[in-house]
Amino acid sequence: MPLSVVFFILIYSFFTKSDRRRKLSVGMVIVLLGLASNSYLVTKAINAWEAKFLNPDEVKGTYDVGILLSGGLISTTTPRQERPAMGNHGDRVLQAYLLYKHGKIRKILITGTSGEMLMAKRQGETRQAASLLVSWGVPANDIVFEEMARNTHENAVYSRRILNKMFPSGKYLLITSAFHMRRSAGCFEKIGIDTDPFPADFRGGYNKFDLQDLIPDPNAFMQFCKLWHEFVGYVAYKAVGYC
């Protein structure tokens, strides 16, 4: 991650006995932090990476299943929590709901596991997201669960078993965060499941350059770290043949 890279460069600059290497190291840190915390540049980088935006009415036809990838859908802040609360990627749930209400998907398959304690209590993220959808008016029998997948590759592998069994030869719409869509769609395609993308949870924007963008922005750095994490994950998945 970027912060780790910067940290180790600084350690190197502290211990090196060469003034030239020390200056080069510190200069590299300044450049890296400057670029990674520039809100204008980070926003443009996210825009370039994220999938194309779609409104529900731009989705053509009706899909048999909307595949909703979990991970940050629900926020659990205390063991006493008895109501679902939107997580960092909760927009995925909202977009799945809107697609269902617009008649664009007939069923919703929520895939992904949660911590052992939550799973034992049947309060994993998939169940809580489903509870939220039901409270909004989605019939419970239109929601299907896959609760073993620990990562995006397994989302695709375990979802395939359900799709082939319950919805063979169906049309599938993949619902996940816009910055996560490349890796997700690649995983499903790799195992032979054709999906169409419906990106949610957009993190980019359309800001114009301003002199204030030259001031390091901690929020921009945080967004860059998320983008970097996804980029590295995509490269790693490509390397091992997952997507």
Protein backbone atom coordinates (compact mmCIF):
# COMPACT_ATOMS: atom_id res chain seq x y z
CA MET A 1 0.00 0.00 0.00
CA PRO A 2 1.20 3.59 -0.66
CA LEU A 3 1.62 4.48 3.01
CA SER A 4 3.81 1.42 3.57
CA VAL A 5 5.94 2.32 0.54
CA VAL A 6 6.44 5.86 1.83
CA PHE A 7 7.22 4.57 5.31
CA PHE A 8 9.95 2.19 4.12
CA ILE A 9 11.49 4.83 1.87
CA LEU A 10 11.71 7.15 4.87
CA ILE A 11 13.34 4.40 6.95
CA TYR A 12 15.88 3.88 4.17
CA SER A 13 16.61 7.62 3.99
CA PHE A 14 17.11 7.71 7.77
CA PHE A 15 19.70 4.90 7.82
CA THR A 16 21.57 5.50 4.56
CA LYS A 17 24.98 7.12 4.93
CA SER A 18 24.89 8.65 1.48
CA ASP A 19 23.67 12.26 1.37
CA ARG A 20 22.78 11.84 -2.29
CA ARG A 21 20.63 8.78 -1.63
CA ARG A 22 19.02 10.50 1.33
CA LYS A 23 18.04 13.49 -0.78
CA LEU A 24 16.75 11.24 -3.55
CA SER A 25 14.68 9.23 -1.07
CA VAL A 26 13.15 12.28 0.59
CA GLY A 27 12.49 13.81 -2.82
CA MET A 28 10.74 10.62 -3.91
CA VAL A 29 8.53 10.73 -0.82
CA ILE A 30 7.59 14.34 -1.51
CA VAL A 31 6.67 13.52 -5.11
CA LEU A 32 4.70 10.38 -4.18
CA LEU A 33 2.74 12.09 -1.42
CA GLY A 34 2.13 15.13 -3.59
CA LEU A 35 0.68 13.08 -6.44
CA ALA A 36 -1.28 10.66 -4.26
CA SER A 37 -2.90 13.45 -2.22
CA ASN A 38 -3.77 15.73 -5.14
CA SER A 39 -7.57 15.63 -5.29
CA TYR A 40 -7.70 16.64 -8.96
CA LEU A 41 -5.28 13.95 -10.15
CA VAL A 42 -6.77 11.25 -7.92
CA THR A 43 -10.29 12.02 -9.12
CA LYS A 44 -9.19 11.80 -12.75
CA ALA A 45 -7.41 8.50 -12.08
CA ILE A 46 -10.54 7.06 -10.45
CA ASN A 47 -12.68 8.26 -13.37
CA ALA A 48 -10.36 6.49 -15.80
CA TRP A 49 -10.52 3.25 -13.82
CA GLU A 50 -14.20 3.06 -12.91
CA ALA A 51 -16.79 1.43 -15.15
CA LYS A 52 -19.19 3.56 -17.18
CA PHE A 53 -22.15 4.99 -15.28
CA LEU A 54 -25.62 3.58 -16.00
CA ASN A 55 -29.10 4.56 -14.87
CA PRO A 56 -31.61 1.74 -14.27
CA ASP A 57 -33.72 2.81 -17.25
CA GLU A 58 -30.66 2.43 -19.50
CA VAL A 59 -30.55 -1.30 -18.76
CA LYS A 60 -32.12 -3.04 -21.74
CA GLY A 61 -34.51 -5.92 -21.13
CA THR A 62 -34.98 -7.95 -17.95
CA TYR A 63 -32.34 -10.13 -16.31
CA ASP A 64 -33.12 -13.36 -14.51
CA VAL A 65 -30.66 -12.62 -11.72
CA GLY A 66 -28.90 -9.57 -10.35
CA ILE A 67 -25.67 -10.77 -8.73
CA LEU A 68 -24.92 -8.52 -5.76
CA LEU A 69 -21.35 -8.81 -4.44
CA SER A 70 -21.00 -8.24 -0.71
CA GLY A 71 -18.15 -6.58 1.13
CA GLY A 72 -18.94 -3.33 2.90
CA LEU A 73 -22.67 -3.55 2.24
CA ILE A 74 -23.52 -3.46 5.93
CA SER A 75 -21.76 -1.79 8.84
CA THR A 76 -21.72 -3.65 12.17
CA THR A 77 -20.53 -1.38 14.96
CA THR A 78 -21.60 -3.34 18.03
CA PRO A 79 -22.56 -6.95 18.92
CA ARG A 80 -25.88 -5.53 20.16
CA GLN A 81 -26.80 -4.25 16.70
CA GLU A 82 -30.17 -5.63 15.63
CA ARG A 83 -30.83 -3.43 12.62
CA PRO A 84 -28.94 -3.20 9.33
CA ALA A 85 -26.85 -0.08 8.74
CA MET A 86 -25.34 0.89 5.40
CA GLY A 87 -21.64 0.18 5.03
CA ASN A 88 -19.04 1.93 2.87
CA HIS A 89 -20.35 0.14 -0.22
CA GLY A 90 -24.01 0.19 0.75
CA ASP A 91 -24.94 1.86 -2.52
CA ARG A 92 -24.72 -1.59 -4.10
CA VAL A 93 -27.77 -2.62 -2.06
CA LEU A 94 -29.70 0.48 -3.06
CA GLN A 95 -28.94 0.00 -6.76
CA ALA A 96 -29.99 -3.66 -6.59
CA TYR A 97 -33.26 -2.54 -5.03
CA LEU A 98 -33.85 0.10 -7.72
CA LEU A 99 -33.11 -2.41 -10.47
CA TYR A 100 -35.61 -4.83 -8.96
CA LYS A 101 -38.28 -2.16 -8.59
CA HIS A 102 -37.69 -1.01 -12.18
CA GLY A 103 -38.31 -4.57 -13.34
CA LYS A 104 -34.76 -5.00 -14.61
CA ILE A 105 -33.96 -8.07 -12.48
CA ARG A 106 -36.27 -10.87 -11.32
CA LYS A 107 -34.10 -12.34 -8.54
CA ILE A 108 -31.24 -11.03 -6.40
CA LEU A 109 -28.32 -13.32 -5.58
CA ILE A 110 -26.22 -11.91 -2.72
CA THR A 111 -22.79 -13.53 -2.53
CA GLY A 112 -20.11 -13.44 0.16
CA THR A 113 -19.35 -14.57 3.69
CA SER A 114 -18.82 -12.61 6.91
CA GLY A 115 -17.04 -13.13 10.22
CA GLU A 116 -17.56 -16.44 12.04
CA MET A 117 -19.50 -14.87 14.90
CA LEU A 118 -21.97 -13.14 12.60
CA MET A 119 -22.36 -16.22 10.41
CA ALA A 120 -23.06 -18.40 13.46
CA LYS A 121 -25.86 -16.01 14.47
CA ARG A 122 -27.15 -15.92 10.87
CA GLN A 123 -26.47 -12.20 10.86
CA GLY A 124 -23.86 -12.13 8.13
CA GLU A 125 -23.73 -9.29 5.65
CA THR A 126 -25.78 -11.14 3.05
CA ARG A 127 -28.59 -11.79 5.53
CA GLN A 128 -28.61 -8.22 6.81
CA ALA A 129 -28.64 -6.82 3.28
CA ALA A 130 -31.52 -9.15 2.46
CA SER A 131 -33.37 -7.98 5.57
CA LEU A 132 -33.00 -4.42 4.37
CA LEU A 133 -34.28 -5.29 0.90
CA VAL A 134 -37.28 -7.13 2.36
CA SER A 135 -38.12 -4.14 4.55
CA TRP A 136 -38.19 -2.05 1.36
CA GLY A 137 -40.69 -4.40 -0.25
CA VAL A 138 -38.65 -7.06 -2.06
CA PRO A 139 -40.27 -10.51 -1.50
CA ALA A 140 -38.01 -12.80 0.51
CA ASN A 141 -38.41 -15.62 -2.02
CA ASP A 142 -36.84 -13.41 -4.69
CA ILE A 143 -33.55 -13.27 -2.75
CA VAL A 144 -30.97 -16.07 -3.01
CA PHE A 145 -27.90 -16.48 -0.77
CA GLU A 146 -24.33 -17.64 -1.36
CA GLU A 147 -22.44 -17.41 1.93
CA MET A 148 -19.09 -19.17 1.43
CA ALA A 149 -17.13 -16.81 -0.85
CA ARG A 150 -14.21 -15.05 0.86
CA ASN A 151 -12.99 -13.06 -2.13
CA THR A 152 -13.99 -11.99 -5.63
CA HIS A 153 -12.71 -15.18 -7.27
CA GLU A 154 -14.81 -17.30 -4.92
CA ASN A 155 -17.80 -15.00 -5.49
CA ALA A 156 -17.71 -16.11 -9.10
CA VAL A 157 -16.96 -19.81 -8.42
CA TYR A 158 -19.67 -20.33 -5.80
CA SER A 159 -22.23 -18.18 -7.62
CA ARG A 160 -21.75 -20.30 -10.74
CA ARG A 161 -22.94 -23.39 -8.86
CA ILE A 162 -26.17 -21.66 -7.86
CA LEU A 163 -26.74 -20.07 -11.25
CA ASN A 164 -26.19 -23.31 -13.15
CA LYS A 165 -28.52 -25.17 -10.80
CA MET A 166 -31.33 -22.66 -10.32
CA PHE A 167 -31.11 -20.37 -13.34
CA PRO A 168 -29.44 -22.29 -16.20
CA SER A 169 -29.10 -20.34 -19.45
CA GLY A 170 -30.32 -17.21 -17.65
CA LYS A 171 -29.32 -13.59 -18.14
CA TYR A 172 -27.21 -12.17 -15.33
CA LEU A 173 -26.52 -8.59 -14.25
CA LEU A 174 -23.43 -8.03 -12.09
CA ILE A 175 -23.83 -5.37 -9.38
CA THR A 176 -20.73 -4.14 -7.58
CA SER A 177 -18.70 -0.98 -7.00
CA ALA A 178 -17.59 0.83 -10.14
CA PHE A 179 -13.90 0.62 -9.19
CA HIS A 180 -14.29 -3.12 -8.49
CA MET A 181 -16.12 -3.98 -11.71
CA ARG A 182 -13.07 -4.84 -13.87
CA ARG A 183 -11.85 -7.54 -11.52
CA SER A 184 -15.35 -8.85 -10.75
CA ALA A 185 -16.50 -9.08 -14.36
CA GLY A 186 -13.18 -10.67 -15.29
CA CYS A 187 -13.61 -13.38 -12.65
CA PHE A 188 -17.09 -14.34 -13.87
CA GLU A 189 -16.00 -14.28 -17.49
CA LYS A 190 -12.99 -16.47 -16.71
CA ILE A 191 -15.16 -19.29 -15.34
CA GLY A 192 -17.64 -19.09 -18.21
CA ILE A 193 -20.46 -16.99 -16.72
CA ASP A 194 -21.55 -14.19 -19.01
CA THR A 195 -22.68 -11.10 -17.12
CA ASP A 196 -23.50 -7.54 -17.99
CA PRO A 197 -22.16 -4.85 -15.63
CA PHE A 198 -24.17 -2.46 -13.51
CA PRO A 199 -21.65 -0.40 -11.53
CA ALA A 200 -22.60 1.26 -8.25
CA ASP A 201 -20.82 3.14 -5.47
CA PHE A 202 -18.95 5.60 -7.69
CA ARG A 203 -15.95 7.32 -6.08
CA GLY A 204 -14.84 9.65 -8.87
CA GLY A 205 -16.18 13.05 -9.80
CA TYR A 206 -15.98 15.87 -12.28
CA ASN A 207 -14.01 18.57 -10.52
CA LYS A 208 -12.00 21.20 -12.36
CA PHE A 209 -8.46 22.05 -11.41
CA ASP A 210 -8.18 24.64 -8.65
CA LEU A 211 -5.15 26.04 -6.87
CA GLN A 212 -6.45 24.43 -3.68
CA ASP A 213 -5.78 21.07 -5.31
CA LEU A 214 -2.08 21.74 -4.74
CA ILE A 215 -2.70 21.44 -1.00
CA PRO A 216 -2.37 17.80 0.12
CA ASP A 217 -5.81 16.33 0.78
CA PRO A 218 -6.04 13.38 3.22
CA ASN A 219 -9.34 12.28 1.68
CA ALA A 220 -7.72 12.17 -1.76
CA PHE A 221 -4.88 10.07 -0.35
CA MET A 222 -7.39 7.66 1.18
CA GLN A 223 -9.20 7.33 -2.15
CA PHE A 224 -5.89 6.76 -3.93
CA CYS A 225 -5.06 3.96 -1.49
CA LYS A 226 -8.37 2.25 -2.33
CA LEU A 227 -7.73 2.65 -6.04
CA TRP A 228 -4.17 1.33 -5.67
CA HIS A 229 -5.41 -1.66 -3.67
CA GLU A 230 -7.92 -2.51 -6.41
CA PHE A 231 -5.33 -2.04 -9.16
CA VAL A 232 -2.84 -4.33 -7.42
CA GLY A 233 -5.63 -6.86 -6.82
CA TYR A 234 -6.55 -6.79 -10.49
CA VAL A 235 -2.93 -7.34 -11.56
CA ALA A 236 -2.53 -10.17 -9.04
CA TYR A 237 -5.72 -11.84 -10.24
CA LYS A 238 -4.51 -11.56 -13.83
CA ALA A 239 -1.18 -13.10 -12.84
CA VAL A 240 -2.75 -16.18 -11.21
CA GLY A 241 -5.41 -16.57 -13.91
CA TYR A 242 -8.48 -15.61 -11.90
CA CYS A 243 -9.60 -12.97 -14.40
